[in-house]
C-alpha atoms as a PDB file:
ATOM      1  CA  MET A   1       0.040   0.061   0.096  1.00  0.00           C
ATOM      2  CA  GLU A   2       2.815   2.592   1.373  1.00  0.00           C
ATOM      3  CA  ASN A   3       5.125   1.812  -2.076  1.00  0.00           C
ATOM      4  CA  LYS A   4       1.461   2.830  -4.355  1.00  0.00           C
ATOM      5  CA  ILE A   5       1.270   6.012  -3.476  1.00  0.00           C
ATOM      6  CA  ASN A   6       3.555   8.880  -4.332  1.00  0.00           C
ATOM      7  CA  SER A   7       5.746   9.919  -1.456  1.00  0.00           C
ATOM      8  CA  LYS A   8       4.624  13.323  -1.206  1.00  0.00           C
ATOM      9  CA  LEU A   9       1.323  13.184  -1.330  1.00  0.00           C
ATOM     10  CA  TRP A  10       1.625  11.217   1.893  1.00  0.00           C
ATOM     11  CA  LEU A  11       2.372  14.448   3.419  1.00  0.00           C
ATOM     12  CA  LEU A  12      -0.222  16.243   2.256  1.00  0.00           C
ATOM     13  CA  ILE A  13      -2.633  13.064   3.637  1.00  0.00           C
ATOM     14  CA  GLY A  14      -0.324  13.664   7.112  1.00  0.00           C
ATOM     15  CA  ILE A  15      -1.427  17.466   6.771  1.00  0.00           C
ATOM     16  CA  VAL A  16      -5.135  16.634   6.344  1.00  0.00           C
ATOM     17  CA  THR A  17      -4.319  14.180   9.001  1.00  0.00           C
ATOM     18  CA  ILE A  18      -2.992  16.008  12.140  1.00  0.00           C
ATOM     19  CA  SER A  19      -5.094  19.142  11.428  1.00  0.00           C
ATOM     20  CA  ALA A  20      -8.466  17.094  11.596  1.00  0.00           C
ATOM     21  CA  SER A  21      -7.892  15.587  14.942  1.00  0.00           C
ATOM     22  CA  HIS A  22      -6.549  17.936  16.934  1.00  0.00           C
ATOM     23  CA  MET A  23      -8.468  21.390  18.245  1.00  0.00           C
ATOM     24  CA  SER A  24     -11.455  22.573  17.657  1.00  0.00           C
ATOM     25  CA  TYR A  25     -13.940  21.220  14.014  1.00  0.00           C
ATOM     26  CA  SER A  26     -11.759  18.126  15.096  1.00  0.00           C
ATOM     27  CA  ILE A  27     -12.630  14.334  14.527  1.00  0.00           C
ATOM     28  CA  ASP A  28     -11.482  12.502  17.401  1.00  0.00           C
ATOM     29  CA  VAL A  29     -11.478   9.007  15.560  1.00  0.00           C
ATOM     30  CA  VAL A  30      -9.074  10.310  13.160  1.00  0.00           C
ATOM     31  CA  ALA A  31      -6.479  11.066  15.557  1.00  0.00           C
ATOM     32  CA  TRP A  32      -5.813   7.042  15.655  1.00  0.00           C
ATOM     33  CA  ILE A  33      -4.194   6.888  12.120  1.00  0.00           C
ATOM     34  CA  SER A  34      -3.207  10.790  12.019  1.00  0.00           C
ATOM     35  CA  ASN A  35       0.541   9.879  12.422  1.00  0.00           C
ATOM     36  CA  VAL A  36       0.093   7.339   9.752  1.00  0.00           C
ATOM     37  CA  PRO A  37       0.863   9.374   6.384  1.00  0.00           C
ATOM     38  CA  PHE A  38       4.359  11.299   8.117  1.00  0.00           C
ATOM     39  CA  LEU A  39       5.538   7.962   9.180  1.00  0.00           C
ATOM     40  CA  PHE A  40       4.754   6.823   5.552  1.00  0.00           C
ATOM     41  CA  TYR A  41       6.434   9.078   4.291  1.00  0.00           C
ATOM     42  CA  LEU A  42       9.782   8.412   6.196  1.00  0.00           C
ATOM     43  CA  SER A  43       9.975   4.733   5.656  1.00  0.00           C
ATOM     44  CA  GLN A  44       9.781   6.050   1.890  1.00  0.00           C
ATOM     45  CA  THR A  45      12.390   8.611   1.071  1.00  0.00           C
ATOM     46  CA  LYS A  46      15.753   8.906   2.227  1.00  0.00           C
ATOM     47  CA  GLY A  47      18.148  12.133   2.315  1.00  0.00           C
ATOM     48  CA  ILE A  48      18.053  15.634   3.735  1.00  0.00           C
ATOM     49  CA  LYS A  49      15.813  17.170   1.215  1.00  0.00           C
ATOM     50  CA  SER A  50      13.065  14.897   1.908  1.00  0.00           C
ATOM     51  CA  ARG A  51      13.717  15.505   6.014  1.00  0.00           C
ATOM     52  CA  LEU A  52      13.542  19.367   5.298  1.00  0.00           C
ATOM     53  CA  LEU A  53      10.310  18.639   3.483  1.00  0.00           C
ATOM     54  CA  PHE A  54       9.102  16.744   5.848  1.00  0.00           C
ATOM     55  CA  VAL A  55       9.519  19.396   8.507  1.00  0.00           C
ATOM     56  CA  LEU A  56       7.767  22.105   6.172  1.00  0.00           C
ATOM     57  CA  ALA A  57       4.700  19.660   5.814  1.00  0.00           C
ATOM     58  CA  LEU A  58       4.807  19.102   9.890  1.00  0.00           C
ATOM     59  CA  PHE A  59       5.017  22.919  10.465  1.00  0.00           C
ATOM     60  CA  ALA A  60       2.424  23.212   7.784  1.00  0.00           C
ATOM     61  CA  ALA A  61      -0.180  20.765   9.632  1.00  0.00           C
ATOM     62  CA  TRP A  62       0.581  22.425  13.010  1.00  0.00           C
ATOM     63  CA  SER A  63      -0.186  25.968  11.255  1.00  0.00           C
ATOM     64  CA  ILE A  64      -3.449  25.044  10.364  1.00  0.00           C
ATOM     65  CA  THR A  65      -4.151  23.303  13.647  1.00  0.00           C
ATOM     66  CA  THR A  66      -3.390  26.391  15.124  1.00  0.00           C
ATOM     67  CA  ALA A  67      -5.242  28.718  12.663  1.00  0.00           C
ATOM     68  CA  LYS A  68      -8.169  27.145  13.623  1.00  0.00           C
ATOM     69  CA  ILE A  69      -8.420  27.954  16.591  1.00  0.00           C
ATOM     70  CA  ILE A  70      -7.248  31.819  16.400  1.00  0.00           C
ATOM     71  CA  THR A  71      -9.415  34.684  15.378  1.00  0.00           C
ATOM     72  CA  GLU A  72     -10.757  37.703  16.191  1.00  0.00           C
ATOM     73  CA  PRO A  73      -9.045  40.464  17.697  1.00  0.00           C
ATOM     74  CA  ILE A  74      -5.948  37.705  17.922  1.00  0.00           C
ATOM     75  CA  PRO A  75      -3.130  38.438  15.398  1.00  0.00           C
ATOM     76  CA  PHE A  76      -2.854  35.932  12.598  1.00  0.00           C
ATOM     77  CA  VAL A  77       0.816  36.030  13.720  1.00  0.00           C
ATOM     78  CA  MET A  78      -0.037  33.565  17.436  1.00  0.00           C
ATOM     79  CA  VAL A  79      -0.957  30.966  14.426  1.00  0.00           C
ATOM     80  CA  PHE A  80       3.180  31.138  14.169  1.00  0.00           C
ATOM     81  CA  LEU A  81       4.173  31.592  17.233  1.00  0.00           C
ATOM     82  CA  PHE A  82       2.531  27.840  18.390  1.00  0.00           C
ATOM     83  CA  SER A  83       2.822  26.092  15.280  1.00  0.00           C
ATOM     84  CA  VAL A  84       7.126  26.332  15.555  1.00  0.00           C
ATOM     85  CA  PRO A  85       7.489  25.143  19.144  1.00  0.00           C
ATOM     86  CA  PHE A  86       4.526  22.159  18.409  1.00  0.00           C
ATOM     87  CA  THR A  87       6.960  21.680  15.173  1.00  0.00           C
ATOM     88  CA  ILE A  88       9.997  21.710  17.154  1.00  0.00           C
ATOM     89  CA  ILE A  89       8.424  19.702  20.293  1.00  0.00           C
ATOM     90  CA  HIS A  90       6.804  17.273  18.138  1.00  0.00           C
ATOM     91  CA  LEU A  91       9.766  16.292  15.634  1.00  0.00           C
ATOM     92  CA  PRO A  92      11.859  13.972  17.688  1.00  0.00           C
ATOM     93  CA  ALA A  93      10.027  11.412  17.782  1.00  0.00           C
ATOM     94  CA  TYR A  94       9.424  10.938  13.964  1.00  0.00           C
ATOM     95  CA  LEU A  95      12.738  11.349  13.455  1.00  0.00           C
ATOM     96  CA  VAL A  96      14.232   9.162  16.361  1.00  0.00           C
ATOM     97  CA  TRP A  97      12.022   6.349  15.142  1.00  0.00           C
ATOM     98  CA  ASP A  98      13.342   7.204  11.419  1.00  0.00           C
ATOM     99  CA  THR A  99      17.002   6.442  12.464  1.00  0.00           C
ATOM    100  CA  PHE A 100      15.952   3.142  14.401  1.00  0.00           C
ATOM    101  CA  LYS A 101      12.975   1.404  12.414  1.00  0.00           C
ATOM    102  CA  ASN A 102      14.984  -1.224  11.441  1.00  0.00           C
ATOM    103  CA  ARG A 103      15.268  -2.243  15.102  1.00  0.00           C
ATOM    104  CA  LYS A 104      13.675  -5.369  17.230  1.00  0.00           C
ATOM    105  CA  TYR A 105      11.180  -3.063  19.015  1.00  0.00           C
ATOM    106  CA  SER A 106      11.815   0.021  17.407  1.00  0.00           C
ATOM    107  CA  MET A 107       8.196   0.935  17.181  1.00  0.00           C
ATOM    108  CA  PHE A 108       7.780   1.453  21.014  1.00  0.00           C
ATOM    109  CA  LEU A 109      10.823   4.698  20.290  1.00  0.00           C
ATOM    110  CA  PHE A 110       7.466   6.540  18.800  1.00  0.00           C
ATOM    111  CA  PRO A 111       5.588   6.728  21.596  1.00  0.00           C
ATOM    112  CA  ALA A 112       7.784   6.453  23.880  1.00  0.00           C
ATOM    113  CA  VAL A 113       9.786   9.823  22.575  1.00  0.00           C
ATOM    114  CA  PHE A 114       6.162  11.027  21.761  1.00  0.00           C
ATOM    115  CA  VAL A 115       5.116  10.973  25.244  1.00  0.00           C
ATOM    116  CA  ILE A 116       8.092  12.398  26.983  1.00  0.00           C
ATOM    117  CA  MET A 117       8.273  15.634  24.806  1.00  0.00           C
ATOM    118  CA  GLU A 118       5.085  15.958  25.604  1.00  0.00           C
ATOM    119  CA  TRP A 119       5.412  15.515  29.287  1.00  0.00           C
ATOM    120  CA  LEU A 120       8.446  18.386  28.991  1.00  0.00           C
ATOM    121  CA  GLN A 121       6.471  20.659  27.026  1.00  0.00           C
ATOM    122  CA  TYR A 122       3.423  20.825  29.953  1.00  0.00           C
ATOM    123  CA  THR A 123       5.801  20.874  32.532  1.00  0.00           C
ATOM    124  CA  TYR A 124       8.813  23.512  31.224  1.00  0.00           C
ATOM    125  CA  THR A 125       7.685  25.447  28.787  1.00  0.00           C
ATOM    126  CA  PRO A 126       4.644  28.357  28.717  1.00  0.00           C
ATOM    127  CA  PHE A 127       2.550  26.342  26.292  1.00  0.00           C
ATOM    128  CA  ALA A 128       1.014  24.199  28.767  1.00  0.00           C
ATOM    129  CA  SER A 129      -0.556  20.743  27.512  1.00  0.00           C
ATOM    130  CA  TRP A 130      -1.647  22.077  23.995  1.00  0.00           C
ATOM    131  CA  GLY A 131      -1.204  20.207  21.150  1.00  0.00           C
ATOM    132  CA  VAL A 132      -1.437  16.808  23.766  1.00  0.00           C
ATOM    133  CA  ALA A 133      -2.583  13.599  21.949  1.00  0.00           C
ATOM    134  CA  ALA A 134      -4.833  13.042  24.664  1.00  0.00           C
ATOM    135  CA  TYR A 135      -7.393  15.681  23.869  1.00  0.00           C
ATOM    136  CA  THR A 136      -8.119  14.489  20.316  1.00  0.00           C
ATOM    137  CA  GLN A 137     -10.258  12.540  22.611  1.00  0.00           C
ATOM    138  CA  SER A 138     -12.370  15.047  24.375  1.00  0.00           C
ATOM    139  CA  HIS A 139     -15.350  13.994  21.855  1.00  0.00           C
ATOM    140  CA  SER A 140     -15.389  11.126  23.039  1.00  0.00           C
ATOM    141  CA  ILE A 141     -16.354  10.929  27.213  1.00  0.00           C
ATOM    142  CA  THR A 142     -15.966   6.645  27.084  1.00  0.00           C
ATOM    143  CA  ILE A 143     -12.238   6.958  26.200  1.00  0.00           C
ATOM    144  CA  LEU A 144     -11.776   9.963  28.595  1.00  0.00           C
ATOM    145  CA  GLN A 145     -12.437   7.744  31.920  1.00  0.00           C
ATOM    146  CA  SER A 146      -8.754   5.980  30.938  1.00  0.00           C
ATOM    147  CA  LEU A 147      -7.640   9.053  32.342  1.00  0.00           C
ATOM    148  CA  SER A 148      -8.260   8.286  36.060  1.00  0.00           C
ATOM    149  CA  LEU A 149      -5.760   5.001  35.645  1.00  0.00           C
ATOM    150  CA  PHE A 150      -2.863   6.548  33.383  1.00  0.00           C
ATOM    151  CA  GLY A 151      -3.626  10.431  33.226  1.00  0.00           C
ATOM    152  CA  MET A 152      -2.785  12.052  29.756  1.00  0.00           C
ATOM    153  CA  ALA A 153       0.595  10.106  29.250  1.00  0.00           C
ATOM    154  CA  GLY A 154      -1.488   6.714  29.105  1.00  0.00           C
ATOM    155  CA  LEU A 155      -3.697   7.843  26.695  1.00  0.00           C
ATOM    156  CA  SER A 156      -0.991   9.775  24.306  1.00  0.00           C
ATOM    157  CA  PHE A 157       0.929   6.282  24.367  1.00  0.00           C
ATOM    158  CA  LEU A 158      -1.646   4.542  23.321  1.00  0.00           C
ATOM    159  CA  ILE A 159      -3.034   6.910  20.560  1.00  0.00           C
ATOM    160  CA  TYR A 160       0.632   7.070  19.566  1.00  0.00           C
ATOM    161  CA  TRP A 161       0.929   3.327  19.610  1.00  0.00           C
ATOM    162  CA  VAL A 162      -2.161   2.566  17.878  1.00  0.00           C
ATOM    163  CA  ASN A 163      -0.644   4.711  14.314  1.00  0.00           C
ATOM    164  CA  ILE A 164       2.799   3.506  14.370  1.00  0.00           C
ATOM    165  CA  SER A 165       1.145  -0.389  14.717  1.00  0.00           C
ATOM    166  CA  VAL A 166      -0.565   0.668  11.657  1.00  0.00           C
ATOM    167  CA  VAL A 167       2.196   1.239   9.718  1.00  0.00           C
ATOM    168  CA  GLU A 168       4.268  -1.842  11.025  1.00  0.00           C
ATOM    169  CA  ILE A 169       1.354  -4.254  10.224  1.00  0.00           C
ATOM    170  CA  LEU A 170       1.049  -2.500   6.474  1.00  0.00           C
ATOM    171  CA  ARG A 171       5.132  -2.489   6.376  1.00  0.00           C
ATOM    172  CA  THR A 172       5.262  -6.003   7.211  1.00  0.00           C
ATOM    173  CA  LYS A 173       2.103  -7.873   6.443  1.00  0.00           C
ATOM    174  CA  LYS A 174       2.197  -9.562   9.983  1.00  0.00           C
ATOM    175  CA  LEU A 175       0.050  -9.445  12.952  1.00  0.00           C
ATOM    176  CA  ASN A 176       1.377  -9.742  16.249  1.00  0.00           C
ATOM    177  CA  VAL A 177       1.095  -9.599  20.051  1.00  0.00           C
ATOM    178  CA  LEU A 178       2.846  -5.718  20.040  1.00  0.00           C
ATOM    179  CA  THR A 179       1.280  -4.504  16.631  1.00  0.00           C
ATOM    180  CA  ALA A 180      -2.694  -5.938  16.895  1.00  0.00           C
ATOM    181  CA  TYR A 181      -3.516  -8.151  19.735  1.00  0.00           C
ATOM    182  CA  PHE A 182      -1.917  -5.735  22.505  1.00  0.00           C
ATOM    183  CA  PRO A 183      -2.669  -2.183  21.484  1.00  0.00           C
ATOM    184  CA  VAL A 184      -6.327  -3.166  20.589  1.00  0.00           C
ATOM    185  CA  GLY A 185      -6.811  -5.134  23.559  1.00  0.00           C
ATOM    186  CA  LEU A 186      -5.603  -2.675  25.590  1.00  0.00           C
ATOM    187  CA  LEU A 187      -8.341  -0.170  23.721  1.00  0.00           C
ATOM    188  CA  PHE A 188     -11.287  -2.450  24.277  1.00  0.00           C
ATOM    189  CA  ALA A 189     -10.498  -2.683  27.668  1.00  0.00           C
ATOM    190  CA  PHE A 190     -10.354   1.783  27.941  1.00  0.00           C
ATOM    191  CA  LEU A 191     -13.415   1.162  26.573  1.00  0.00           C
ATOM    192  CA  ILE A 192     -15.400  -1.472  28.614  1.00  0.00           C
ATOM    193  CA  TYR A 193     -13.723   0.170  31.839  1.00  0.00           C
ATOM    194  CA  GLY A 194     -15.252   3.896  30.776  1.00  0.00           C
ATOM    195  CA  SER A 195     -18.736   2.479  29.950  1.00  0.00           C
ATOM    196  CA  LEU A 196     -18.396   0.936  33.150  1.00  0.00           C
ATOM    197  CA  ARG A 197     -17.454   3.763  35.185  1.00  0.00           C
ATOM    198  CA  ILE A 198     -19.628   6.057  33.601  1.00  0.00           C
ATOM    199  CA  ASP A 199     -22.998   3.655  34.147  1.00  0.00           C
ATOM    200  CA  PHE A 200     -21.664   3.210  38.013  1.00  0.00           C
ATOM    201  CA  VAL A 201     -21.920   6.601  38.690  1.00  0.00           C
ATOM    202  CA  LYS A 202     -25.457   7.182  36.498  1.00  0.00           C
ATOM    203  CA  SER A 203     -26.529   4.529  39.001  1.00  0.00           C
ATOM    204  CA  LYS A 204     -25.790   6.392  42.171  1.00  0.00           C
ATOM    205  CA  SER A 205     -26.842   9.955  43.789  1.00  0.00           C
ATOM    206  CA  SER A 206     -24.393  12.808  44.177  1.00  0.00           C
ATOM    207  CA  GLU A 207     -24.576  16.085  44.973  1.00  0.00           C
ATOM    208  CA  MET A 208     -24.959  18.613  42.880  1.00  0.00           C
ATOM    209  CA  ILE A 209     -22.721  22.298  42.591  1.00  0.00           C
ATOM    210  CA  SER A 210     -22.846  25.059  40.883  1.00  0.00           C
ATOM    211  CA  VAL A 211     -20.280  26.493  38.050  1.00  0.00           C
ATOM    212  CA  ALA A 212     -20.032  29.763  37.219  1.00  0.00           C
ATOM    213  CA  ALA A 213     -17.434  31.117  33.996  1.00  0.00           C
ATOM    214  CA  ILE A 214     -16.763  34.415  34.631  1.00  0.00           C
ATOM    215  CA  GLY A 215     -16.516  37.179  31.471  1.00  0.00           C
ATOM    216  CA  THR A 216     -13.742  39.194  30.632  1.00  0.00           C
ATOM    217  CA  ASP A 217     -13.908  42.392  29.604  1.00  0.00           C
ATOM    218  CA  SER A 218     -10.920  42.730  28.144  1.00  0.00           C
ATOM    219  CA  GLU A 219      -9.452  42.001  24.535  1.00  0.00           C
ATOM    220  CA  VAL A 220      -6.560  40.355  23.765  1.00  0.00           C
ATOM    221  CA  SER A 221      -5.013  41.586  20.929  1.00  0.00           C
ATOM    222  CA  GLY A 222      -1.274  41.573  20.717  1.00  0.00           C
ATOM    223  CA  LEU A 223       0.662  44.298  21.641  1.00  0.00           C
ATOM    224  CA  PRO A 224       0.885  47.499  22.876  1.00  0.00           C
ATOM    225  CA  LEU A 225      -0.564  45.972  26.408  1.00  0.00           C
ATOM    226  CA  PRO A 226      -2.933  47.603  28.010  1.00  0.00           C
ATOM    227  CA  ASP A 227      -2.451  50.593  30.051  1.00  0.00           C
ATOM    228  CA  GLU A 228      -2.124  49.823  34.078  1.00  0.00           C
ATOM    229  CA  ALA A 229      -5.018  52.105  34.779  1.00  0.00           C
ATOM    230  CA  THR A 230      -6.985  49.833  32.363  1.00  0.00           C
ATOM    231  CA  ASN A 231      -5.843  46.488  33.061  1.00  0.00           C
ATOM    232  CA  ASN A 232      -6.709  47.186  36.635  1.00  0.00           C
ATOM    233  CA  GLU A 233     -10.032  48.223  35.580  1.00  0.00           C
ATOM    234  CA  TYR A 234     -10.431  44.690  34.070  1.00  0.00           C
ATOM    235  CA  LYS A 235      -9.133  42.899  37.129  1.00  0.00           C
ATOM    236  CA  ASN A 236     -11.200  44.548  39.497  1.00  0.00           C
ATOM    237  CA  LYS A 237     -14.232  43.838  37.181  1.00  0.00           C
ATOM    238  CA  LEU A 238     -13.428  39.972  37.625  1.00  0.00           C
ATOM    239  CA  LEU A 239     -12.904  39.904  41.418  1.00  0.00           C
ATOM    240  CA  GLU A 240     -16.359  41.746  41.387  1.00  0.00           C
ATOM    241  CA  ARG A 241     -18.134  39.090  39.109  1.00  0.00           C
ATOM    242  CA  THR A 242     -16.624  36.154  41.117  1.00  0.00           C
ATOM    243  CA  ILE A 243     -17.771  37.726  44.786  1.00  0.00           C
ATOM    244  CA  ILE A 244     -21.396  37.674  43.086  1.00  0.00           C
ATOM    245  CA  ALA A 245     -20.957  34.054  41.631  1.00  0.00           C
ATOM    246  CA  ALA A 246     -19.653  33.171  44.682  1.00  0.00           C
ATOM    247  CA  GLU A 247     -22.826  34.665  46.338  1.00  0.00           C
ATOM    248  CA  LYS A 248     -24.795  33.447  43.968  1.00  0.00           C
ATOM    249  CA  GLY A 249     -23.631  29.625  45.205  1.00  0.00           C
ATOM    250  CA  ALA A 250     -21.177  28.877  43.043  1.00  0.00           C
ATOM    251  CA  LYS A 251     -18.223  26.971  44.287  1.00  0.00           C
ATOM    252  CA  ILE A 252     -16.321  25.977  40.733  1.00  0.00           C
ATOM    253  CA  VAL A 253     -15.129  29.677  39.613  1.00  0.00           C
ATOM    254  CA  SER A 254     -13.247  29.930  36.100  1.00  0.00           C
ATOM    255  CA  TRP A 255     -11.312  32.678  34.185  1.00  0.00           C
ATOM    256  CA  ASN A 256     -11.155  32.085  30.779  1.00  0.00           C
ATOM    257  CA  GLU A 257      -7.294  32.071  29.148  1.00  0.00           C
ATOM    258  CA  ALA A 258      -6.501  35.652  28.690  1.00  0.00           C
ATOM    259  CA  ALA A 259      -8.974  37.076  30.828  1.00  0.00           C
ATOM    260  CA  ILE A 260      -6.494  39.554  32.135  1.00  0.00           C
ATOM    261  CA  VAL A 261      -2.840  40.468  30.589  1.00  0.00           C
ATOM    262  CA  ILE A 262      -0.563  40.572  33.586  1.00  0.00           C
ATOM    263  CA  GLN A 263       3.345  41.133  33.462  1.00  0.00           C
ATOM    264  CA  LYS A 264       5.095  38.632  35.301  1.00  0.00           C
ATOM    265  CA  GLU A 265       6.838  41.132  37.615  1.00  0.00           C
ATOM    266  CA  ASN A 266       2.474  41.426  38.858  1.00  0.00           C
ATOM    267  CA  GLU A 267       1.902  37.802  38.704  1.00  0.00           C
ATOM    268  CA  LYS A 268       2.315  36.875  42.611  1.00  0.00           C
ATOM    269  CA  ILE A 269       0.286  39.692  43.868  1.00  0.00           C
ATOM    270  CA  LEU A 270      -2.533  38.082  41.545  1.00  0.00           C
ATOM    271  CA  GLN A 271      -1.950  34.822  42.656  1.00  0.00           C
ATOM    272  CA  ASP A 272      -2.280  35.952  46.177  1.00  0.00           C
ATOM    273  CA  THR A 273      -5.606  37.947  45.477  1.00  0.00           C
ATOM    274  CA  ILE A 274      -7.120  35.506  44.164  1.00  0.00           C
ATOM    275  CA  LYS A 275      -6.036  32.676  46.833  1.00  0.00           C
ATOM    276  CA  ALA A 276      -7.501  35.284  49.220  1.00  0.00           C
ATOM    277  CA  LEU A 277     -10.759  35.814  47.770  1.00  0.00           C
ATOM    278  CA  ALA A 278     -11.207  32.072  46.998  1.00  0.00           C
ATOM    279  CA  LYS A 279     -10.809  31.017  50.758  1.00  0.00           C
ATOM    280  CA  ASN A 280     -12.780  34.014  52.013  1.00  0.00           C
ATOM    281  CA  ASN A 281     -16.027  33.019  49.827  1.00  0.00           C
ATOM    282  CA  LYS A 282     -15.314  29.219  50.223  1.00  0.00           C
ATOM    283  CA  ILE A 283     -14.853  28.665  46.224  1.00  0.00           C
ATOM    284  CA  SER A 284     -12.281  27.079  44.095  1.00  0.00           C
ATOM    285  CA  PHE A 285     -10.756  28.260  40.944  1.00  0.00           C
ATOM    286  CA  MET A 286     -10.872  25.209  38.301  1.00  0.00           C
ATOM    287  CA  HIS A 287      -8.713  26.794  35.916  1.00  0.00           C
ATOM    288  CA  LEU A 288      -7.276  30.464  35.390  1.00  0.00           C
ATOM    289  CA  THR A 289      -4.005  31.264  33.347  1.00  0.00           C
ATOM    290  CA  SER A 290      -2.421  34.719  33.250  1.00  0.00           C
ATOM    291  CA  PHE A 291      -0.688  36.471  30.144  1.00  0.00           C
ATOM    292  CA  PHE A 292       2.358  33.470  30.604  1.00  0.00           C
ATOM    293  CA  ASN A 293       0.044  30.761  30.335  1.00  0.00           C
ATOM    294  CA  GLN A 294       0.889  29.624  33.795  1.00  0.00           C
ATOM    295  CA  PRO A 295      -1.848  27.586  36.110  1.00  0.00           C
ATOM    296  CA  ILE A 296      -2.808  29.518  39.668  1.00  0.00           C
ATOM    297  CA  PRO A 297      -3.322  26.499  41.683  1.00  0.00           C
END
């Protein structure tokens, strides 16, 4: 199959599958084969030029993916501020597999390196967990239950394992425990576990709590940043609305990402203010990010 398709066509298909599986307007089932076209391209080609072309295709895929979530007033240049780092972060998994693909058990290098790079991204970079494979299953409530067992890394590993397994099966024309029975069996186990977990919760009565999403008056439009007086006005409005939500019974409150622009030197002050507000009003913040996309606990 892989030899019947022109190598450059694999790149075009890969751009489509990657961009179709992530973020807005995504198709979760595509994620299980989204990396296959790029892997086929690497297995078919050799040389520096082909690898540079691959990097360009990977960059194009993530540029299209990111462009789907960039809307006014966010400037379009933000697409490349994310797609370039994502390309760099995802590249090692492909190249490491490509280098050692003919070695025994090399198929595990692809999911292992990918999961390590994802962990490094959401642990040590300001890009948090954007683009992590586990998010591609956000529409599949059943499969997401596996996160309670193995976290995002476990689900991402399985997705990448299935991708590389498809490639190995089509390359070798063979089925074995590692390329078929084990990953497919694990996927079915996740689906069964998720279904039973959801039904078990439905069968029990549980306390209902109110959740509030707080709107902002701020408009994120890049530079220049709002002056201090304007930014304080945005912040005070957010705090006032948070208190109102608490008074109306909300137990969990969330500000949207980029609700307010915070300079690095003022971040600790805002964190302490929010912690004090949460304690005094007996509420919890589910998620909050500053301008630098660093979570506030």
